[in-house]
Protein backbone atom coordinates (compact mmCIF):
# COMPACT_ATOMS: atom_id res chain seq x y z
CA MET A 1 112.15 102.16 110.81
CA LEU A 2 109.88 100.23 113.14
CA GLY A 3 110.54 102.34 116.24
CA ASN A 4 112.57 102.60 119.42
CA TRP A 5 112.34 100.45 122.54
CA GLN A 6 114.17 100.35 125.84
CA LYS A 7 116.53 97.52 126.68
CA GLY A 8 114.57 94.77 128.45
CA ALA A 9 111.18 96.10 127.30
CA ILE A 10 108.30 93.76 128.11
CA GLU A 11 105.54 93.37 125.54
CA ALA A 12 107.07 95.71 122.97
CA LYS A 13 104.94 95.05 119.87
CA ILE A 14 107.04 94.64 116.73
CA GLN A 15 104.68 94.72 113.76
CA ILE A 16 105.33 94.10 110.06
CA THR A 17 102.87 94.54 107.20
CA VAL A 18 103.64 92.28 104.25
CA THR A 19 103.44 93.99 100.87
CA LYS A 20 103.95 92.78 97.33
CA ASN A 21 104.49 95.39 94.60
CA SER A 22 103.52 98.09 97.16
CA VAL A 23 100.14 96.44 97.81
CA VAL A 24 99.26 94.89 101.19
CA TYR A 25 99.47 91.11 100.82
CA ASN A 26 96.88 88.89 102.55
CA ILE A 27 98.76 86.44 104.79
CA ALA A 28 95.72 84.80 106.44
CA GLY A 29 96.55 81.14 107.09
CA ALA A 30 100.31 81.66 106.77
CA THR A 31 103.05 80.75 109.20
CA VAL A 32 105.08 83.86 109.96
CA THR A 33 108.50 83.94 111.59
CA TYR A 34 110.54 87.07 112.29
CA LEU A 35 114.24 86.73 111.57
CA TYR A 36 116.34 89.25 113.49
CA GLU A 37 119.95 90.34 113.70
CA LYS A 38 121.25 92.10 116.79
CA PRO A 39 124.00 94.70 116.72
CA GLY A 40 127.20 92.68 116.51
CA GLY A 41 125.70 90.01 114.23
CA THR A 42 123.93 87.54 116.53
CA THR A 43 120.81 86.19 114.79
CA GLY A 44 117.63 84.53 115.96
CA THR A 45 113.91 84.10 115.34
CA TRP A 46 110.61 85.05 116.91
CA THR A 47 107.24 83.46 116.16
CA ALA A 48 104.78 86.03 114.85
CA THR A 49 101.02 86.20 115.18
CA ILE A 50 98.77 87.27 112.32
CA ASP A 51 96.84 90.30 113.49
CA ASN A 52 93.16 90.13 112.54
CA ALA A 53 93.54 86.65 111.04
CA ALA A 54 90.33 87.02 109.02
CA THR A 55 91.86 89.72 106.79
CA GLY A 56 95.53 88.75 107.17
CA ILE A 57 96.66 92.36 107.12
CA THR A 58 99.67 92.44 109.48
CA SER A 59 101.77 90.25 111.71
CA TYR A 60 103.38 91.01 115.06
CA THR A 61 105.40 89.63 117.92
CA THR A 62 105.65 90.88 121.48
CA THR A 63 108.86 90.77 123.46
CA SER A 64 109.72 89.33 126.84
CA ALA A 65 112.21 90.93 129.23
CA SER A 66 115.13 88.90 127.87
CA ASP A 67 114.49 89.54 124.15
CA LEU A 68 115.74 93.11 123.70
CA ASP A 69 119.04 92.60 125.51
CA THR A 70 121.48 94.48 123.26
CA VAL A 71 121.62 98.24 122.78
CA GLY A 72 121.83 99.48 119.18
CA ARG A 73 120.18 99.04 115.80
CA TRP A 74 118.50 95.70 115.14
CA GLU A 75 117.38 94.40 111.73
CA VAL A 76 114.25 92.31 111.30
CA GLN A 77 112.57 90.57 108.39
CA ALA A 78 109.37 88.51 108.16
CA LYS A 79 109.50 85.03 106.63
CA VAL A 80 106.02 84.06 105.41
CA VAL A 81 105.16 80.47 104.48
CA LEU A 82 101.83 80.27 102.67
CA GLY A 83 100.41 77.69 100.29
CA GLY A 84 103.67 75.80 99.86
CA GLY A 85 105.62 78.95 98.99
CA THR A 86 107.89 81.18 101.05
CA LEU A 87 108.35 84.91 100.79
CA TYR A 88 110.47 87.36 102.73
CA THR A 89 109.76 91.00 103.44
CA VAL A 90 112.33 93.71 102.91
CA LYS A 91 114.56 94.07 105.97
CA ASP A 92 113.54 96.82 108.39
CA SER A 93 115.15 98.07 111.59
CA PHE A 94 114.48 99.36 115.08
CA ASN A 95 116.62 100.76 117.88
CA VAL A 96 117.08 99.42 121.38
CA MET A 97 117.99 102.20 123.76
CA ASP A 98 119.90 101.86 127.04
CA ASN A 99 118.25 102.68 130.35
CA VAL A 100 119.52 105.41 132.65
CA SER A 101 121.62 103.82 135.38
């Protein structure tokens, strides 16, 4: 699980490390998109940034106030396009928690 965030969180950093056969995969130079599914089935995408582009170790996206708008368990998966090929990470999840009214 990737963590827990509050509904409407600003700059929550969602980070995915790409692995292949349990070894960290170098994604330097790739285009990375995060595919997500909200509770209830609505889907969408976020553009990801490669963290430390020289080594291509991880990717991340940061949220705006309108991104995490649904309470519950979200699923997310990285789509990595590199060298004419496309790979997908295993789906992972995180929780969005409601705020106290």
